PDB file of N, CA and C in Angstrom:
ATOM      1  N   MET A   1     106.873 112.661 107.612  1.00  0.00           N
ATOM      2  CA  MET A   1     107.603 112.488 106.368  1.00  0.00           C
ATOM      3  C   MET A   1     106.718 112.911 105.202  1.00  0.00           C
ATOM      4  N   ALA A   2     107.299 113.593 104.241  1.00  0.00           N
ATOM      5  CA  ALA A   2     106.553 114.091 103.097  1.00  0.00           C
ATOM      6  C   ALA A   2     106.153 112.954 102.162  1.00  0.00           C
ATOM      7  N   THR A   3     104.982 113.114 101.564  1.00  0.00           N
ATOM      8  CA  THR A   3     104.542 112.190 100.529  1.00  0.00           C
ATOM      9  C   THR A   3     105.504 112.305  99.364  1.00  0.00           C
ATOM     10  N   ARG A   4     105.803 111.192  98.749  1.00  0.00           N
ATOM     11  CA  ARG A   4     106.758 111.199  97.638  1.00  0.00           C
ATOM     12  C   ARG A   4     106.097 111.632  96.334  1.00  0.00           C
ATOM     13  N   ILE A   5     106.827 112.425  95.584  1.00  0.00           N
ATOM     14  CA  ILE A   5     106.423 112.835  94.251  1.00  0.00           C
ATOM     15  C   ILE A   5     107.128 111.899  93.268  1.00  0.00           C
ATOM     16  N   GLN A   6     106.387 111.347  92.335  1.00  0.00           N
ATOM     17  CA  GLN A   6     106.974 110.475  91.313  1.00  0.00           C
ATOM     18  C   GLN A   6     107.335 111.323  90.104  1.00  0.00           C
ATOM     19  N   HIS A   7     108.624 111.582  89.949  1.00  0.00           N
ATOM     20  CA  HIS A   7     109.087 112.447  88.866  1.00  0.00           C
ATOM     21  C   HIS A   7     108.972 111.785  87.502  1.00  0.00           C
ATOM     22  N   GLU A   8     108.964 110.488  87.463  1.00  0.00           N
ATOM     23  CA  GLU A   8     108.885 109.764  86.196  1.00  0.00           C
ATOM     24  C   GLU A   8     107.514 109.120  86.002  1.00  0.00           C
ATOM     25  N   GLY A   9     106.565 109.441  86.846  1.00  0.00           N
ATOM     26  CA  GLY A   9     105.240 108.841  86.771  1.00  0.00           C
ATOM     27  C   GLY A   9     104.395 109.445  85.661  1.00  0.00           C
ATOM     28  N   PRO A  10     103.221 108.873  85.443  1.00  0.00           N
ATOM     29  CA  PRO A  10     102.353 109.356  84.373  1.00  0.00           C
ATOM     30  C   PRO A  10     101.673 110.691  84.686  1.00  0.00           C
ATOM     31  N   GLU A  11     101.522 111.011  85.991  1.00  0.00           N
ATOM     32  CA  GLU A  11     100.873 112.259  86.376  1.00  0.00           C
ATOM     33  C   GLU A  11     101.926 113.359  86.513  1.00  0.00           C
ATOM     34  N   PRO A  12     101.658 114.545  85.929  1.00  0.00           N
ATOM     35  CA  PRO A  12     102.640 115.633  86.043  1.00  0.00           C
ATOM     36  C   PRO A  12     102.952 115.964  87.502  1.00  0.00           C
ATOM     37  N   VAL A  13     104.182 116.381  87.731  1.00  0.00           N
ATOM     38  CA  VAL A  13     104.655 116.705  89.076  1.00  0.00           C
ATOM     39  C   VAL A  13     103.772 117.769  89.729  1.00  0.00           C
ATOM     40  N   TYR A  14     103.428 118.811  88.987  1.00  0.00           N
ATOM     41  CA  TYR A  14     102.623 119.882  89.588  1.00  0.00           C
ATOM     42  C   TYR A  14     101.256 119.367  90.027  1.00  0.00           C
ATOM     43  N   ARG A  15     100.684 118.435  89.279  1.00  0.00           N
ATOM     44  CA  ARG A  15      99.380 117.870  89.647  1.00  0.00           C
ATOM     45  C   ARG A  15      99.492 117.035  90.914  1.00  0.00           C
ATOM     46  N   GLN A  16     100.598 116.284  91.047  1.00  0.00           N
ATOM     47  CA  GLN A  16     100.807 115.501  92.267  1.00  0.00           C
ATOM     48  C   GLN A  16     100.926 116.420  93.473  1.00  0.00           C
ATOM     49  N   LEU A  17     101.699 117.496  93.318  1.00  0.00           N
ATOM     50  CA  LEU A  17     101.872 118.450  94.407  1.00  0.00           C
ATOM     51  C   LEU A  17     100.552 119.132  94.747  1.00  0.00           C
ATOM     52  N   ALA A  18      99.801 119.533  93.737  1.00  0.00           N
ATOM     53  CA  ALA A  18      98.497 120.149  93.978  1.00  0.00           C
ATOM     54  C   ALA A  18      97.600 119.172  94.743  1.00  0.00           C
ATOM     55  N   GLY A  19      97.648 117.897  94.399  1.00  0.00           N
ATOM     56  CA  GLY A  19      96.839 116.892  95.088  1.00  0.00           C
ATOM     57  C   GLY A  19      97.215 116.756  96.553  1.00  0.00           C
ATOM     58  N   ILE A  20      98.512 116.780  96.833  1.00  0.00           N
ATOM     59  CA  ILE A  20      98.984 116.691  98.221  1.00  0.00           C
ATOM     60  C   ILE A  20      98.491 117.900  99.021  1.00  0.00           C
ATOM     61  N   LEU A  21      98.664 119.093  98.445  1.00  0.00           N
ATOM     62  CA  LEU A  21      98.234 120.310  99.136  1.00  0.00           C
ATOM     63  C   LEU A  21      96.714 120.347  99.276  1.00  0.00           C
ATOM     64  N   ARG A  22      95.999 119.911  98.245  1.00  0.00           N
ATOM     65  CA  ARG A  22      94.533 119.859  98.304  1.00  0.00           C
ATOM     66  C   ARG A  22      94.077 118.976  99.464  1.00  0.00           C
ATOM     67  N   ASP A  23      94.713 117.816  99.605  1.00  0.00           N
ATOM     68  CA  ASP A  23      94.371 116.910 100.711  1.00  0.00           C
ATOM     69  C   ASP A  23      94.617 117.566 102.063  1.00  0.00           C
ATOM     70  N   GLU A  24      95.736 118.294 102.189  1.00  0.00           N
ATOM     71  CA  GLU A  24      96.041 118.969 103.454  1.00  0.00           C
ATOM     72  C   GLU A  24      95.018 120.058 103.761  1.00  0.00           C
ATOM     73  N   ILE A  25      94.569 120.750 102.722  1.00  0.00           N
ATOM     74  CA  ILE A  25      93.582 121.815 102.906  1.00  0.00           C
ATOM     75  C   ILE A  25      92.223 121.222 103.275  1.00  0.00           C
ATOM     76  N   LEU A  26      91.772 120.249 102.488  1.00  0.00           N
ATOM     77  CA  LEU A  26      90.429 119.696 102.694  1.00  0.00           C
ATOM     78  C   LEU A  26      90.316 118.894 103.984  1.00  0.00           C
ATOM     79  N   SER A  27      91.444 118.357 104.459  1.00  0.00           N
ATOM     80  CA  SER A  27      91.423 117.610 105.723  1.00  0.00           C
ATOM     81  C   SER A  27      91.499 118.541 106.928  1.00  0.00           C
ATOM     82  N   GLY A  28      91.784 119.821 106.682  1.00  0.00           N
ATOM     83  CA  GLY A  28      91.882 120.786 107.778  1.00  0.00           C
ATOM     84  C   GLY A  28      93.271 120.898 108.372  1.00  0.00           C
ATOM     85  N   ARG A  29      94.259 120.181 107.808  1.00  0.00           N
ATOM     86  CA  ARG A  29      95.630 120.301 108.336  1.00  0.00           C
ATOM     87  C   ARG A  29      96.187 121.701 108.105  1.00  0.00           C
ATOM     88  N   ILE A  30      95.727 122.352 107.036  1.00  0.00           N
ATOM     89  CA  ILE A  30      96.034 123.775 106.843  1.00  0.00           C
ATOM     90  C   ILE A  30      94.684 124.481 106.900  1.00  0.00           C
ATOM     91  N   GLU A  31      94.501 125.319 107.891  1.00  0.00           N
ATOM     92  CA  GLU A  31      93.210 125.941 108.156  1.00  0.00           C
ATOM     93  C   GLU A  31      92.979 127.161 107.272  1.00  0.00           C
ATOM     94  N   PRO A  32      91.703 127.545 107.089  1.00  0.00           N
ATOM     95  CA  PRO A  32      91.380 128.745 106.311  1.00  0.00           C
ATOM     96  C   PRO A  32      92.116 129.979 106.820  1.00  0.00           C
ATOM     97  N   ASP A  33      92.521 130.792 105.857  1.00  0.00           N
ATOM     98  CA  ASP A  33      93.242 132.045 106.089  1.00  0.00           C
ATOM     99  C   ASP A  33      94.639 131.859 106.671  1.00  0.00           C
ATOM    100  N   ARG A  34      95.125 130.622 106.669  1.00  0.00           N
ATOM    101  CA  ARG A  34      96.501 130.341 107.074  1.00  0.00           C
ATOM    102  C   ARG A  34      97.335 130.198 105.804  1.00  0.00           C
ATOM    103  N   PRO A  35      98.607 130.559 105.867  1.00  0.00           N
ATOM    104  CA  PRO A  35      99.434 130.471 104.659  1.00  0.00           C
ATOM    105  C   PRO A  35      99.803 129.032 104.313  1.00  0.00           C
ATOM    106  N   LEU A  36      99.954 128.799 103.024  1.00  0.00           N
ATOM    107  CA  LEU A  36     100.566 127.552 102.572  1.00  0.00           C
ATOM    108  C   LEU A  36     102.048 127.634 102.903  1.00  0.00           C
ATOM    109  N   PRO A  37     102.749 126.507 102.931  1.00  0.00           N
ATOM    110  CA  PRO A  37     104.207 126.583 103.068  1.00  0.00           C
ATOM    111  C   PRO A  37     104.775 127.434 101.931  1.00  0.00           C
ATOM    112  N   THR A  38     105.912 128.041 102.171  1.00  0.00           N
ATOM    113  CA  THR A  38     106.521 128.887 101.142  1.00  0.00           C
ATOM    114  C   THR A  38     106.965 128.046  99.947  1.00  0.00           C
ATOM    115  N   GLU A  39     107.149 128.728  98.829  1.00  0.00           N
ATOM    116  CA  GLU A  39     107.630 128.052  97.625  1.00  0.00           C
ATOM    117  C   GLU A  39     108.946 127.333  97.911  1.00  0.00           C
ATOM    118  N   ALA A  40     109.855 128.008  98.605  1.00  0.00           N
ATOM    119  CA  ALA A  40     111.152 127.393  98.923  1.00  0.00           C
ATOM    120  C   ALA A  40     110.979 126.141  99.776  1.00  0.00           C
ATOM    121  N   ASP A  41     110.083 126.203 100.748  1.00  0.00           N
ATOM    122  CA  ASP A  41     109.828 125.048 101.603  1.00  0.00           C
ATOM    123  C   ASP A  41     109.258 123.886 100.793  1.00  0.00           C
ATOM    124  N   LEU A  42     108.301 124.171  99.927  1.00  0.00           N
ATOM    125  CA  LEU A  42     107.708 123.114  99.106  1.00  0.00           C
ATOM    126  C   LEU A  42     108.730 122.516  98.142  1.00  0.00           C
ATOM    127  N   ARG A  43     109.585 123.363  97.576  1.00  0.00           N
ATOM    128  CA  ARG A  43     110.634 122.865  96.674  1.00  0.00           C
ATOM    129  C   ARG A  43     111.556 121.916  97.415  1.00  0.00           C
ATOM    130  N   GLN A  44     111.958 122.300  98.610  1.00  0.00           N
ATOM    131  CA  GLN A  44     112.874 121.472  99.396  1.00  0.00           C
ATOM    132  C   GLN A  44     112.182 120.195  99.880  1.00  0.00           C
ATOM    133  N   ARG A  45     110.986 120.324 100.403  1.00  0.00           N
ATOM    134  CA  ARG A  45     110.264 119.197 100.974  1.00  0.00           C
ATOM    135  C   ARG A  45     109.957 118.116  99.938  1.00  0.00           C
ATOM    136  N   TYR A  46     109.584 118.527  98.730  1.00  0.00           N
ATOM    137  CA  TYR A  46     109.158 117.563  97.723  1.00  0.00           C
ATOM    138  C   TYR A  46     110.141 117.391  96.572  1.00  0.00           C
ATOM    139  N   GLY A  47     111.205 118.179  96.554  1.00  0.00           N
ATOM    140  CA  GLY A  47     112.213 118.053  95.506  1.00  0.00           C
ATOM    141  C   GLY A  47     111.683 118.369  94.118  1.00  0.00           C
ATOM    142  N   VAL A  48     110.884 119.439  94.042  1.00  0.00           N
ATOM    143  CA  VAL A  48     110.290 119.824  92.765  1.00  0.00           C
ATOM    144  C   VAL A  48     110.795 121.194  92.345  1.00  0.00           C
ATOM    145  N   PRO A  49     110.822 121.449  91.045  1.00  0.00           N
ATOM    146  CA  PRO A  49     111.288 122.757  90.574  1.00  0.00           C
ATOM    147  C   PRO A  49     110.275 123.869  90.850  1.00  0.00           C
ATOM    148  N   PRO A  50     110.748 125.114  90.880  1.00  0.00           N
ATOM    149  CA  PRO A  50     109.877 126.241  91.220  1.00  0.00           C
ATOM    150  C   PRO A  50     108.667 126.371  90.302  1.00  0.00           C
ATOM    151  N   GLU A  51     108.835 126.084  89.021  1.00  0.00           N
ATOM    152  CA  GLU A  51     107.698 126.231  88.103  1.00  0.00           C
ATOM    153  C   GLU A  51     106.572 125.252  88.443  1.00  0.00           C
ATOM    154  N   ASP A  52     106.918 124.064  88.949  1.00  0.00           N
ATOM    155  CA  ASP A  52     105.888 123.108  89.342  1.00  0.00           C
ATOM    156  C   ASP A  52     105.178 123.554  90.624  1.00  0.00           C
ATOM    157  N   VAL A  53     105.910 124.172  91.549  1.00  0.00           N
ATOM    158  CA  VAL A  53     105.288 124.695  92.768  1.00  0.00           C
ATOM    159  C   VAL A  53     104.300 125.795  92.386  1.00  0.00           C
ATOM    160  N   ARG A  54     104.731 126.709  91.529  1.00  0.00           N
ATOM    161  CA  ARG A  54     103.865 127.814  91.124  1.00  0.00           C
ATOM    162  C   ARG A  54     102.625 127.319  90.389  1.00  0.00           C
ATOM    163  N   ARG A  55     102.821 126.345  89.523  1.00  0.00           N
ATOM    164  CA  ARG A  55     101.690 125.809  88.757  1.00  0.00           C
ATOM    165  C   ARG A  55     100.691 125.080  89.666  1.00  0.00           C
ATOM    166  N   ALA A  56     101.200 124.352  90.661  1.00  0.00           N
ATOM    167  CA  ALA A  56     100.328 123.659  91.613  1.00  0.00           C
ATOM    168  C   ALA A  56      99.502 124.669  92.407  1.00  0.00           C
ATOM    169  N   ILE A  57     100.147 125.725  92.872  1.00  0.00           N
ATOM    170  CA  ILE A  57      99.439 126.750  93.643  1.00  0.00           C
ATOM    171  C   ILE A  57      98.421 127.460  92.764  1.00  0.00           C
ATOM    172  N   GLN A  58      98.772 127.709  91.511  1.00  0.00           N
ATOM    173  CA  GLN A  58      97.829 128.350  90.595  1.00  0.00           C
ATOM    174  C   GLN A  58      96.606 127.460  90.367  1.00  0.00           C
ATOM    175  N   GLU A  59      96.829 126.156  90.265  1.00  0.00           N
ATOM    176  CA  GLU A  59      95.713 125.222  90.092  1.00  0.00           C
ATOM    177  C   GLU A  59      94.764 125.293  91.298  1.00  0.00           C
ATOM    178  N   LEU A  60      95.330 125.331  92.491  1.00  0.00           N
ATOM    179  CA  LEU A  60      94.504 125.433  93.700  1.00  0.00           C
ATOM    180  C   LEU A  60      93.779 126.775  93.758  1.00  0.00           C
ATOM    181  N   SER A  61      94.422 127.815  93.274  1.00  0.00           N
ATOM    182  CA  SER A  61      93.786 129.127  93.214  1.00  0.00           C
ATOM    183  C   SER A  61      92.625 129.102  92.219  1.00  0.00           C
ATOM    184  N   ASP A  62      92.835 128.483  91.071  1.00  0.00           N
ATOM    185  CA  ASP A  62      91.780 128.373  90.064  1.00  0.00           C
ATOM    186  C   ASP A  62      90.572 127.610  90.608  1.00  0.00           C
ATOM    187  N   GLU A  63      90.815 126.668  91.511  1.00  0.00           N
ATOM    188  CA  GLU A  63      89.739 125.884  92.133  1.00  0.00           C
ATOM    189  C   GLU A  63      89.067 126.634  93.279  1.00  0.00           C
ATOM    190  N   GLY A  64      89.637 127.763  93.680  1.00  0.00           N
ATOM    191  CA  GLY A  64      89.077 128.536  94.784  1.00  0.00           C
ATOM    192  C   GLY A  64      89.496 128.045  96.154  1.00  0.00           C
ATOM    193  N   LEU A  65      90.495 127.153  96.214  1.00  0.00           N
ATOM    194  CA  LEU A  65      90.946 126.637  97.509  1.00  0.00           C
ATOM    195  C   LEU A  65      91.960 127.551  98.185  1.00  0.00           C
ATOM    196  N   VAL A  66      92.681 128.331  97.391  1.00  0.00           N
ATOM    197  CA  VAL A  66      93.646 129.276  97.951  1.00  0.00           C
ATOM    198  C   VAL A  66      93.490 130.621  97.259  1.00  0.00           C
ATOM    199  N   TYR A  67      93.963 131.654  97.926  1.00  0.00           N
ATOM    200  CA  TYR A  67      94.055 132.969  97.303  1.00  0.00           C
ATOM    201  C   TYR A  67      95.499 133.425  97.446  1.00  0.00           C
ATOM    202  N   ILE A  68      95.936 134.220  96.486  1.00  0.00           N
ATOM    203  CA  ILE A  68      97.328 134.651  96.437  1.00  0.00           C
ATOM    204  C   ILE A  68      97.397 136.143  96.737  1.00  0.00           C
ATOM    205  N   LEU A  69      98.246 136.494  97.692  1.00  0.00           N
ATOM    206  CA  LEU A  69      98.509 137.894  97.997  1.00  0.00           C
ATOM    207  C   LEU A  69      99.902 138.215  97.469  1.00  0.00           C
ATOM    208  N   PRO A  70      99.994 139.039  96.422  1.00  0.00           N
ATOM    209  CA  PRO A  70     101.300 139.346  95.846  1.00  0.00           C
ATOM    210  C   PRO A  70     102.289 139.832  96.899  1.00  0.00           C
ATOM    211  N   GLY A  71     103.461 139.249  96.875  1.00  0.00           N
ATOM    212  CA  GLY A  71     104.510 139.611  97.812  1.00  0.00           C
ATOM    213  C   GLY A  71     104.381 138.945  99.172  1.00  0.00           C
ATOM    214  N   GLU A  72     103.261 138.256  99.411  1.00  0.00           N
ATOM    215  CA  GLU A  72     103.050 137.606 100.706  1.00  0.00           C
ATOM    216  C   GLU A  72     102.937 136.091 100.607  1.00  0.00           C
ATOM    217  N   GLY A  73     102.362 135.597  99.527  1.00  0.00           N
ATOM    218  CA  GLY A  73     102.227 134.153  99.364  1.00  0.00           C
ATOM    219  C   GLY A  73     100.787 133.725  99.171  1.00  0.00           C
ATOM    220  N   ALA A  74     100.573 132.426  99.286  1.00  0.00           N
ATOM    221  CA  ALA A  74      99.250 131.835  99.083  1.00  0.00           C
ATOM    222  C   ALA A  74      98.651 131.446 100.425  1.00  0.00           C
ATOM    223  N   TYR A  75      97.362 131.696 100.563  1.00  0.00           N
ATOM    224  CA  TYR A  75      96.621 131.416 101.793  1.00  0.00           C
ATOM    225  C   TYR A  75      95.414 130.555 101.477  1.00  0.00           C
ATOM    226  N   VAL A  76      95.041 129.721 102.423  1.00  0.00           N
ATOM    227  CA  VAL A  76      93.870 128.865 102.251  1.00  0.00           C
ATOM    228  C   VAL A  76      92.622 129.734 102.293  1.00  0.00           C
ATOM    229  N   SER A  77      91.756 129.542 101.329  1.00  0.00           N
ATOM    230  CA  SER A  77      90.506 130.277 101.252  1.00  0.00           C
ATOM    231  C   SER A  77      89.508 129.756 102.273  1.00  0.00           C
ATOM    232  N   SER A  78      88.671 130.636 102.772  1.00  0.00           N
ATOM    233  CA  SER A  78      87.616 130.171 103.682  1.00  0.00           C
ATOM    234  C   SER A  78      86.622 129.300 102.936  1.00  0.00           C
ATOM    235  N   ARG A  79      86.587 129.393 101.609  1.00  0.00           N
ATOM    236  CA  ARG A  79      85.724 128.523 100.802  1.00  0.00           C
ATOM    237  C   ARG A  79      86.168 127.077 100.869  1.00  0.00           C
ATOM    238  N   ALA A  80      87.414 126.824 101.244  1.00  0.00           N
ATOM    239  CA  ALA A  80      87.909 125.451 101.344  1.00  0.00           C
ATOM    240  C   ALA A  80      87.111 124.674 102.376  1.00  0.00           C
ATOM    241  N   GLU A  81      86.660 125.343 103.436  1.00  0.00           N
ATOM    242  CA  GLU A  81      85.832 124.689 104.461  1.00  0.00           C
ATOM    243  C   GLU A  81      84.530 124.198 103.849  1.00  0.00           C
ATOM    244  N   GLU A  82      83.922 125.023 103.008  1.00  0.00           N
ATOM    245  CA  GLU A  82      82.658 124.660 102.379  1.00  0.00           C
ATOM    246  C   GLU A  82      82.820 123.494 101.412  1.00  0.00           C
ATOM    247  N   THR A  83      84.014 123.368 100.848  1.00  0.00           N
ATOM    248  CA  THR A  83      84.267 122.352  99.839  1.00  0.00           C
ATOM    249  C   THR A  83      84.407 120.971 100.436  1.00  0.00           C
ATOM    250  N   GLY A  84      84.640 120.890 101.723  1.00  0.00           N
ATOM    251  CA  GLY A  84      84.728 119.546 102.316  1.00  0.00           C
ATOM    252  C   GLY A  84      85.755 119.417 103.397  1.00  0.00           C
ATOM    253  N   GLY A  85      86.285 120.533 103.881  1.00  0.00           N
ATOM    254  CA  GLY A  85      87.269 120.456 104.952  1.00  0.00           C
ATOM    255  C   GLY A  85      86.630 120.107 106.273  1.00  0.00           C
ATOM    256  N   GLY A  86      87.519 119.883 107.249  1.00  0.00           N
ATOM    257  CA  GLY A  86      87.056 119.371 108.414  1.00  0.00           C
ATOM    258  C   GLY A  86      86.685 119.960 109.622  1.00  0.00           C
TER     259      GLY A  86
END
């Protein structure tokens, strides 16, 4: 079951989603060079708008945890292992 996003909480939705994905990456549930779930999948799974999905992925990219291949999606960076993955 997906972790719940609090739409009315004090933390922005995109930050909550980024935190969930960050945990999955750092725990090794999503391995380096493997794709993140698609934007559509994340929207459906967490009930968040597309702009929040994009912003969450951009935040992870800015942190160096994912890289984005235009037209293909976002992939976990091999640097994520160095950051504390499992």
